Protein backbone atom coordinates (compact mmCIF):
# COMPACT_ATOMS: atom_id res chain seq x y z
CA MET A 1 0.08 0.01 -0.07
CA THR A 2 1.32 3.52 -0.88
CA ARG A 3 1.16 6.17 1.72
CA HIS A 4 0.76 9.88 0.69
CA ILE A 5 2.24 12.70 2.47
CA LEU A 6 0.65 16.14 2.81
CA LEU A 7 1.43 18.23 -0.21
CA THR A 8 2.37 21.24 1.91
CA LEU A 9 6.17 21.48 1.32
CA ILE A 10 8.04 24.37 2.79
CA ALA A 11 11.33 25.62 1.70
CA LEU A 12 13.47 27.38 4.25
CA ALA A 13 13.55 31.20 3.86
CA LEU A 14 16.59 32.62 2.63
CA PRO A 15 18.92 34.08 5.11
CA LEU A 16 18.24 37.59 4.08
CA ALA A 17 19.52 38.89 7.52
CA ALA A 18 22.74 37.24 7.24
CA SER A 19 24.46 40.51 6.28
CA ALA A 20 23.09 43.67 7.33
CA GLN A 21 25.02 45.52 4.72
CA MET A 22 22.98 43.86 1.83
CA LYS A 23 20.44 46.26 0.42
CA VAL A 24 17.92 45.55 -2.24
CA TYR A 25 18.56 47.76 -5.36
CA ASP A 26 16.16 46.23 -7.90
CA LYS A 27 13.35 43.74 -7.73
CA SER A 28 10.60 42.22 -9.98
CA SER A 29 7.74 44.06 -8.50
CA LYS A 30 7.27 46.87 -5.92
CA ARG A 31 6.02 44.48 -3.33
CA ALA A 32 7.06 40.96 -2.58
CA PRO A 33 3.97 38.68 -3.20
CA GLU A 34 1.97 37.24 -0.22
CA TRP A 35 3.07 33.77 -1.16
CA VAL A 36 6.78 34.25 -0.60
CA ASN A 37 8.17 32.36 2.35
CA THR A 38 4.63 30.70 2.84
CA ALA A 39 3.10 27.33 2.42
CA ILE A 40 0.14 26.80 0.09
CA ASP A 41 -1.48 23.43 -0.63
CA ASP A 42 -0.74 21.92 -3.93
CA TYR A 43 2.13 24.04 -4.60
CA LEU A 44 5.80 24.11 -3.87
CA ILE A 45 7.24 27.47 -2.70
CA VAL A 46 11.15 27.35 -3.00
CA SER A 47 13.62 30.01 -2.86
CA ALA A 48 17.34 30.19 -3.75
CA SER A 49 20.20 32.74 -4.07
CA GLY A 50 23.19 33.15 -6.35
CA THR A 51 25.75 35.53 -7.37
CA THR A 52 23.89 36.04 -10.77
CA MET A 53 20.19 35.78 -11.88
CA GLN A 54 21.07 32.77 -13.89
CA GLU A 55 22.62 30.88 -10.96
CA ALA A 56 19.85 31.80 -8.69
CA MET A 57 17.15 30.54 -11.10
CA GLN A 58 18.94 27.19 -11.56
CA LYS A 59 19.23 26.89 -7.96
CA ALA A 60 15.52 27.36 -7.59
CA LEU A 61 14.93 24.85 -10.22
CA ASN A 62 17.16 22.24 -8.48
CA GLU A 63 15.27 22.95 -5.36
CA VAL A 64 11.95 22.36 -7.00
CA THR A 65 13.40 19.06 -8.34
CA GLU A 66 14.63 17.89 -4.92
CA GLN A 67 11.30 18.60 -3.33
CA ILE A 68 9.62 16.67 -5.93
CA ILE A 69 12.16 13.84 -5.36
CA ARG A 70 11.47 13.82 -1.83
CA ALA A 71 7.76 13.79 -2.08
CA VAL A 72 8.04 10.82 -4.41
CA ALA A 73 10.67 8.95 -2.18
CA ASN A 74 8.48 9.32 0.88
CA ASN A 75 5.60 7.49 -0.76
CA VAL A 76 6.95 4.92 -3.18
CA THR A 77 6.80 1.21 -2.41
CA VAL A 78 9.57 -0.80 -4.01
CA ARG A 79 9.46 -4.60 -4.65
CA GLN A 80 12.15 -6.66 -3.51
CA THR A 81 12.81 -10.04 -5.24
CA ASN A 82 11.01 -11.86 -2.87
CA THR A 83 9.09 -9.58 -0.61
CA MET A 84 7.00 -6.46 -0.84
CA SER A 85 8.27 -3.64 1.37
CA GLU A 86 6.79 -0.25 2.08
CA THR A 87 8.94 2.57 2.93
CA VAL A 88 9.77 3.58 6.32
CA THR A 89 8.55 0.24 7.84
CA GLY A 90 11.83 -1.04 9.08
CA SER A 91 11.68 -3.74 6.41
CA GLY A 92 15.03 -2.97 4.81
CA ILE A 93 14.19 -0.17 2.32
CA GLU A 94 13.82 3.36 3.73
CA SER A 95 12.60 6.37 2.06
CA SER A 96 16.02 7.96 2.68
CA ASP A 97 17.54 5.09 0.46
CA VAL A 98 15.13 5.96 -2.35
CA TYR A 99 15.68 9.77 -1.77
CA THR A 100 19.51 9.41 -1.82
CA TYR A 101 19.29 7.28 -5.04
CA LEU A 102 16.95 9.54 -6.87
CA SER A 103 18.79 12.49 -6.00
CA SER A 104 22.02 11.03 -7.35
CA MET A 105 20.42 10.24 -10.77
CA ASN A 106 20.18 12.61 -13.76
CA SER A 107 16.88 13.16 -15.57
CA ALA A 108 18.01 10.79 -18.46
CA ASN A 109 17.71 7.78 -16.04
CA LEU A 110 14.50 9.22 -14.31
CA PRO A 111 12.02 10.01 -17.33
CA PHE A 112 9.51 11.36 -14.95
CA LEU A 113 11.97 14.40 -13.91
CA LYS A 114 12.33 15.43 -17.56
CA GLY A 115 9.28 17.78 -17.43
CA ILE A 116 10.38 19.78 -14.50
CA THR A 117 11.08 23.43 -15.74
CA LEU A 118 10.68 26.83 -14.43
CA SER A 119 8.48 27.73 -17.49
CA LYS A 120 5.71 25.70 -15.46
CA ALA A 121 5.99 28.00 -12.51
CA GLU A 122 3.04 29.89 -11.88
CA GLU A 123 4.74 32.85 -10.38
CA SER A 124 8.18 34.01 -9.52
CA TYR A 125 9.76 36.96 -7.80
CA TRP A 126 13.37 38.09 -7.43
CA GLU A 127 15.47 40.71 -5.63
CA LYS A 128 18.88 42.04 -6.56
CA LEU A 129 21.00 43.06 -3.37
CA ARG A 130 24.42 44.75 -3.09
CA ASP A 131 26.70 45.31 -0.14
CA LYS A 132 27.52 49.02 -0.13
CA ARG A 133 30.82 48.62 1.47
CA THR A 134 32.34 45.77 -0.56
CA GLY A 135 30.24 46.00 -3.85
CA GLU A 136 29.29 42.27 -3.41
CA GLU A 137 25.94 41.40 -5.18
CA ARG A 138 23.58 38.65 -4.67
CA VAL A 139 20.22 37.57 -6.44
CA ASP A 140 17.40 36.06 -4.28
CA TYR A 141 14.76 34.22 -6.26
CA TRP A 142 11.36 32.66 -5.34
CA VAL A 143 9.23 30.42 -7.31
CA LYS A 144 5.59 29.33 -6.92
CA TYR A 145 5.42 25.90 -8.73
CA PRO A 146 2.20 23.91 -9.09
CA PHE A 147 2.35 20.34 -7.74
CA PRO A 148 -1.15 19.14 -7.18
CA SER A 149 -1.88 15.64 -5.51
CA TRP A 150 -2.75 13.98 -8.76
CA GLU A 151 0.59 14.71 -10.28
CA LEU A 152 2.31 13.32 -7.39
CA ASP A 153 0.25 10.17 -7.78
CA GLU A 154 1.40 9.98 -11.46
CA LEU A 155 5.11 10.13 -10.59
CA ILE A 156 4.95 7.64 -7.85
CA GLU A 157 3.16 5.28 -10.29
CA GLU A 158 5.83 5.66 -12.92
CA PHE A 159 8.62 5.34 -10.59
CA GLU A 160 7.10 2.24 -9.09
CA ALA A 161 6.62 1.05 -12.73
CA ILE A 162 10.38 1.42 -13.27
CA ASP A 163 11.28 -0.25 -10.43
CA ALA A 164 9.11 -3.27 -11.12
CA ALA A 165 10.47 -3.54 -14.43
CA LYS A 166 14.21 -3.78 -12.92
CA VAL A 167 12.93 -6.42 -10.50
CA ARG A 168 11.57 -8.36 -13.39
CA GLU A 169 14.76 -8.10 -15.33
CA PHE A 170 16.67 -9.40 -12.31
CA GLU A 171 14.23 -12.38 -11.96
CA ALA A 172 14.47 -13.29 -15.59
CA ILE A 173 18.35 -13.24 -15.40
CA LYS A 174 18.23 -15.40 -12.22
CA SER A 175 16.01 -17.89 -13.86
CA GLN A 176 18.32 -18.25 -16.88
CA LEU A 177 21.19 -19.48 -14.61
CA PRO A 178 20.49 -23.14 -14.78
CA SER A 179 19.91 -23.15 -18.67
CA ILE A 180 22.57 -21.06 -20.12
CA ALA A 181 22.71 -21.76 -23.75
CA SER A 182 25.84 -19.91 -24.89
CA VAL A 183 29.04 -18.53 -23.64
CA GLU A 184 28.15 -14.96 -24.70
CA GLN A 185 24.84 -15.34 -22.58
CA ILE A 186 27.13 -15.48 -19.60
CA GLY A 187 28.86 -12.08 -20.50
CA ARG A 188 25.57 -10.32 -21.41
CA ASN A 189 23.87 -11.29 -18.17
CA ILE A 190 26.84 -10.10 -16.08
CA ALA A 191 26.78 -6.78 -17.88
CA SER A 192 23.10 -6.58 -17.29
CA LEU A 193 23.62 -7.20 -13.52
CA ASP A 194 26.37 -4.53 -13.29
CA ALA A 195 23.68 -2.19 -14.59
CA LEU A 196 21.20 -3.45 -12.06
CA ALA A 197 23.74 -3.04 -9.29
CA ALA A 198 24.03 0.60 -10.19
CA TYR A 199 20.19 0.99 -10.03
CA PHE A 200 19.18 -1.19 -7.04
CA PHE A 201 19.68 1.58 -4.00
CA ASP A 202 18.98 -0.59 -1.06
CA ASP A 203 21.29 -3.12 0.63
CA VAL A 204 18.96 -6.06 0.36
CA ARG A 205 18.57 -6.10 -3.44
CA SER A 206 22.02 -4.88 -4.03
CA SER A 207 23.55 -7.82 -2.23
CA GLU A 208 21.20 -10.19 -4.19
CA VAL A 209 22.41 -8.77 -7.38
CA GLN A 210 26.06 -9.10 -6.26
CA SER A 211 25.43 -12.75 -5.17
CA LEU A 212 24.01 -13.70 -8.82
CA LYS A 213 26.90 -11.80 -10.45
CA GLN A 214 29.21 -14.19 -8.52
CA GLN A 215 27.35 -17.24 -9.57
CA TYR A 216 27.51 -16.14 -13.28
CA THR A 217 31.22 -15.21 -12.96
CA ALA A 218 31.86 -18.72 -11.58
CA LEU A 219 30.42 -20.27 -14.73
CA TYR A 220 33.45 -19.47 -16.55
CA GLY A 221 35.41 -21.92 -14.35
CA SER A 222 33.15 -24.68 -14.93
CA LEU A 223 33.63 -24.60 -18.79
CA THR A 224 35.51 -27.44 -20.49
CA VAL A 225 35.88 -28.73 -24.26
CA SER A 226 34.65 -32.01 -25.47
CA GLY A 227 35.34 -33.47 -28.80
CA THR A 228 34.40 -36.31 -31.18
CA THR A 229 36.47 -37.75 -34.08
CA LEU A 230 33.98 -37.63 -37.11
CA ASP A 231 36.24 -39.40 -39.59
CA ASP A 232 39.88 -39.36 -40.83
CA GLY A 233 40.99 -35.61 -40.76
CA ARG A 234 37.97 -34.19 -38.90
CA TYR A 235 37.27 -33.49 -35.28
CA ARG A 236 34.13 -31.81 -33.79
CA CYS A 237 34.67 -29.90 -30.52
CA THR A 238 32.00 -28.38 -28.24
CA VAL A 239 32.32 -26.19 -25.36
CA MET A 240 30.53 -27.81 -22.31
CA LEU A 241 29.16 -26.15 -19.20
CA GLU A 242 28.71 -28.49 -16.31
CA GLY A 243 28.24 -31.49 -18.68
CA ARG A 244 26.02 -29.59 -21.08
CA PRO A 245 26.95 -28.30 -24.67
CA VAL A 246 26.77 -24.53 -24.94
CA SER A 247 27.33 -22.50 -28.13
CA ILE A 248 30.18 -19.99 -28.57
CA SER A 249 30.54 -17.55 -31.48
CA THR A 250 34.38 -16.96 -31.26
CA LYS A 251 36.46 -19.42 -33.32
CA PRO A 252 39.19 -21.13 -31.37
CA LYS A 253 42.72 -20.97 -32.22
CA VAL A 254 44.01 -24.48 -33.54
CA THR A 255 47.60 -25.66 -33.76
CA SER A 256 49.43 -28.93 -34.18
CA ASN A 257 52.95 -30.29 -33.75
CA CYS A 258 52.63 -32.26 -37.00
CA ALA A 259 49.47 -31.91 -39.01
CA SER A 260 48.97 -29.38 -41.64
CA GLY A 261 46.00 -27.96 -43.57
CA LEU A 262 44.47 -26.85 -40.26
CA ASP A 263 40.86 -25.37 -40.80
CA VAL A 264 37.97 -24.36 -38.47
CA GLU A 265 34.43 -24.37 -39.38
CA ALA A 266 31.56 -23.36 -37.29
CA ASP A 267 28.86 -25.78 -36.80
CA ASN A 268 25.79 -24.99 -34.92
CA GLY A 269 27.38 -23.45 -31.97
CA ALA A 270 30.27 -26.01 -32.20
CA PHE A 271 33.34 -26.24 -34.41
CA ILE A 272 34.60 -28.88 -36.92
CA ILE A 273 38.47 -28.85 -37.09
CA SER A 274 39.95 -30.32 -40.36
CA TYR A 275 43.57 -31.42 -40.64
CA ASP A 276 46.02 -33.39 -42.59
CA ASP A 277 48.03 -35.88 -40.48
CA SER A 278 49.79 -37.53 -43.36
CA ASP A 279 53.37 -36.07 -42.21
CA CYS A 280 52.84 -37.19 -38.49
CA LEU A 281 55.26 -39.73 -37.41
CA PRO A 282 53.76 -42.65 -35.88
CA ASP A 283 56.16 -43.00 -32.74
CA GLU A 284 55.41 -39.52 -31.72
CA GLU A 285 52.76 -38.01 -29.51
CA ASN A 286 50.75 -36.21 -32.28
CA TYR A 287 48.01 -33.78 -31.47
CA VAL A 288 45.94 -31.04 -32.59
CA GLU A 289 45.41 -28.43 -29.78
CA ILE A 290 42.37 -26.27 -29.75
CA THR A 291 42.47 -23.14 -27.52
CA PHE A 292 39.38 -20.96 -26.78
CA ARG A 293 40.06 -17.31 -25.26
CA ILE A 294 37.05 -16.87 -22.78
CA ALA A 295 36.81 -14.01 -20.35
CA GLY A 296 40.51 -13.38 -20.54
CA LYS A 297 41.44 -17.09 -19.83
CA ARG A 298 42.63 -19.93 -21.96
CA LEU A 299 40.30 -23.05 -22.46
CA VAL A 300 42.42 -25.88 -24.17
CA LYS A 301 41.48 -29.23 -25.51
CA ARG A 302 44.40 -31.45 -26.99
CA HIS A 303 43.14 -33.78 -29.45
CA LEU A 304 45.68 -36.90 -29.72
CA LEU A 305 45.86 -37.85 -33.40
CA ASP A 306 46.80 -41.56 -32.65
CA ALA A 307 43.78 -41.91 -30.23
CA ALA A 308 41.75 -43.36 -33.27
CA ASP A 309 43.32 -46.74 -32.35
CA ASP A 310 41.74 -46.38 -28.95
CA ALA A 311 38.22 -45.71 -30.08
CA ALA A 312 36.97 -49.23 -30.79
CA MET A 313 34.47 -48.92 -28.05
CA SER A 314 34.06 -45.14 -28.59
CA VAL A 315 34.82 -44.42 -25.02
CA VAL A 316 36.83 -41.28 -24.27
CA PRO A 317 37.80 -39.13 -21.33
CA GLU A 318 36.91 -35.48 -21.41
CA GLY A 319 36.51 -32.35 -19.68
CA ARG A 320 38.67 -31.67 -16.52
CA LEU A 321 40.02 -33.93 -13.92
CA TYR A 322 39.42 -33.14 -10.29
CA LEU A 323 41.72 -34.61 -7.72
CA THR A 324 41.22 -34.37 -3.92
CA THR A 325 43.18 -35.75 -0.94
CA ASP A 326 41.99 -36.52 2.49
CA THR A 327 44.69 -34.89 4.47
CA VAL A 328 48.01 -33.15 3.67
CA ASP A 329 51.14 -33.35 5.86
CA GLY A 330 53.33 -30.73 4.35
CA ARG A 331 53.54 -31.85 0.83
CA THR A 332 52.67 -35.37 1.68
CA LEU A 333 49.25 -36.48 0.43
CA HIS A 334 47.08 -39.31 2.12
CA ASN A 335 44.96 -41.05 -0.34
CA VAL A 336 43.94 -39.34 -3.62
CA THR A 337 40.36 -39.26 -4.93
CA LEU A 338 39.85 -38.63 -8.70
CA ARG A 339 36.65 -37.34 -10.40
CA MET A 340 36.53 -37.91 -14.04
CA THR A 341 33.96 -37.73 -16.92
CA ILE A 342 33.89 -40.42 -19.45
CA ASN A 343 31.93 -40.14 -22.67
CA ASN A 344 30.62 -43.28 -24.00
CA LEU A 345 29.97 -42.16 -27.56
CA GLY A 346 28.63 -45.34 -29.03
CA GLY A 347 26.59 -46.58 -25.99
CA THR A 348 28.42 -49.93 -26.13
CA PRO A 349 28.77 -51.54 -22.58
CA PHE A 350 32.33 -51.39 -21.33
CA GLY A 351 34.34 -52.37 -18.46
CA LEU A 352 36.68 -49.87 -16.57
CA LYS A 353 39.67 -51.83 -15.11
CA SER A 354 42.03 -49.10 -14.20
CA VAL A 355 43.19 -45.50 -14.51
CA GLU A 356 46.95 -44.50 -14.32
CA LEU A 357 47.85 -40.76 -14.37
CA THR A 358 51.01 -38.75 -14.21
CA LEU A 359 50.89 -35.34 -12.76
CA PRO A 360 53.51 -32.67 -13.15
CA ASP A 361 53.64 -31.95 -9.36
CA ILE A 362 53.74 -35.70 -8.29
CA PRO A 363 56.85 -37.72 -9.43
CA ALA A 364 55.13 -41.02 -8.80
CA PRO A 365 52.26 -42.18 -10.94
CA LEU A 366 48.73 -42.24 -9.49
CA VAL A 367 47.24 -45.66 -9.91
CA PHE A 368 43.50 -46.38 -9.56
CA ASP A 369 43.02 -50.07 -9.95
CA ASP A 370 40.67 -52.91 -8.63
CA ILE A 371 37.82 -51.11 -10.29
CA ASP A 372 36.31 -53.95 -12.38
CA LYS A 373 32.96 -52.03 -12.94
CA VAL A 374 30.66 -52.39 -16.15
CA TYR A 375 28.95 -49.13 -17.56
CA GLU A 376 26.12 -49.42 -19.89
CA ALA A 377 24.75 -45.93 -20.24
CA LYS A 378 25.27 -43.85 -23.44
CA GLY A 379 26.80 -40.40 -22.98
CA THR A 380 28.79 -38.80 -20.32
CA ILE A 381 29.42 -40.81 -17.15
CA GLN A 382 30.86 -39.60 -13.82
CA VAL A 383 33.44 -41.92 -12.23
CA VAL A 384 34.88 -41.52 -8.73
CA LEU A 385 38.21 -43.58 -8.24
CA VAL A 386 40.55 -43.54 -5.18
CA ALA A 387 44.30 -44.19 -5.14
CA LYS A 388 45.34 -45.30 -1.72
CA GLY A 389 48.70 -44.46 -0.14
CA ARG A 390 50.96 -41.60 0.57
CA PHE A 391 52.14 -39.37 -2.43
CA GLU A 392 54.68 -36.55 -2.41
CA ALA A 393 53.61 -33.57 -4.15
CA ALA A 394 56.08 -30.82 -5.26
CA GLU A 395 55.20 -27.06 -5.23
CA LYS A 396 52.88 -26.08 -8.17
CA ARG A 397 54.48 -23.72 -10.63
CA SER A 398 52.92 -20.34 -10.50
CA GLY A 399 50.80 -19.59 -13.59
CA ALA A 400 51.49 -22.99 -15.13
CA PHE A 401 48.90 -24.54 -17.41
CA THR A 402 48.96 -28.10 -16.32
CA PHE A 403 47.78 -31.31 -17.83
CA ALA A 404 47.54 -34.80 -16.48
CA GLN A 405 48.75 -37.63 -18.83
CA GLY A 406 48.05 -41.25 -18.60
CA ALA A 407 45.82 -43.88 -19.84
CA MET A 408 42.72 -45.91 -18.80
CA VAL A 409 42.14 -49.67 -19.34
CA LEU A 410 38.87 -50.82 -20.66
CA ALA A 411 37.63 -54.17 -21.16
CA ASP A 412 34.84 -55.64 -23.50
CA PRO A 413 32.33 -57.38 -21.35
CA THR A 414 31.61 -60.03 -23.77
CA THR A 415 35.11 -60.78 -25.16
CA GLY A 416 37.29 -59.71 -22.32
CA THR A 417 39.43 -58.01 -24.79
CA LEU A 418 41.32 -55.00 -23.22
CA GLN A 419 41.90 -51.80 -24.69
CA ARG A 420 44.11 -48.81 -23.63
CA VAL A 421 42.57 -45.25 -23.91
CA ARG A 422 45.16 -42.36 -23.44
CA ILE A 423 44.28 -39.44 -21.26
CA TYR A 424 45.66 -35.98 -21.70
CA LEU A 425 43.33 -33.47 -19.66
CA PRO A 426 43.68 -30.27 -17.57
CA TYR A 427 43.18 -30.96 -13.94
CA GLU A 428 42.65 -29.30 -10.56
CA THR A 429 43.57 -30.17 -7.09
CA ASN A 430 42.62 -29.20 -3.66
CA TRP A 431 45.98 -29.41 -2.02
CA ASP A 432 47.22 -26.33 -3.58
CA ASN A 433 44.39 -24.43 -2.04
CA ARG A 434 45.13 -25.48 1.54
């Protein structure tokens, strides 16, 4: 419910007696109008002074604007994202918050203030004064500005409509968080939240905007790159967000240590990488490296060109590896847990026998064995494995872009045939954050 204040707004009288030496030497009429320094219903009576007529008039206009803002601020009801709060009720949004905010905004951001002009004043009166001793001059200016209750009602309604639209915008951005469809959408929504942060003048809603912005910013850290070999010399890569494909308009940079004829073609939000690996030596670790630059950071996928031999069951590791330890004693790790994403592209059942990883900061390989588990689901599968024992970790190099290398051993559940699939993926640990 909106509460209205009495429309009798009284401006403080000018300090005309501040200097006894100031004498009136010119004025707009022989006698000051009766309304000067009084209060009249449905009018704003304001006064201002300046060294020139123009300065005094501008200050009077500013005072009219300030009093209209104060009238609106004392009566608006603004909507939080989850509650309705009336001003001056102690619910977190005070009229002083609204007033402070409105006073700091220019008319371009507050459309309902654009129509305030001295040409709308019903009457005005001015006096020019001079100090006979110093010659200093001053202009005192009074304005009788019509401001009926219906106009206040309209301004309140207009402001509340603006505020409600901002809340709807915030709620729309919040609802999009679980279903982001593109990398660019993350950036657009962060920019919109920055604009909303500048608008929401109360602590309650401002903190909600900042919290949502942090959640959106954190999405960049959840991006990975997944890829699928289409045929000889063609590889399709997709940016993934928490296991879901998302589109990106910016083409990646593609390099290789041996392949030539590198080409990148957009494909429905993903990219098809073409290459010629005829000059790649079979005994070398041949690869095509795909690098995206997103929010100032590199997102890298290394496609191993000899991995085609490993794809009989069409099972590939992808994304990012996450390694955690139970306890850290200096640089000694006690048991290491691996969380890894495996993509069963063909949907053929496979058994996971073991995983072996080599990390730049751990000299000894991490071996995750005795798994012997069969997976039948098609698509991405999350596996959690534990390497028991004590491992010595070196200090991580600052700024190093680190990859884990190794392999996982798969088994055909029907024939028992073993297949070794190479692993080359970025990784994160929890022991460097302790």
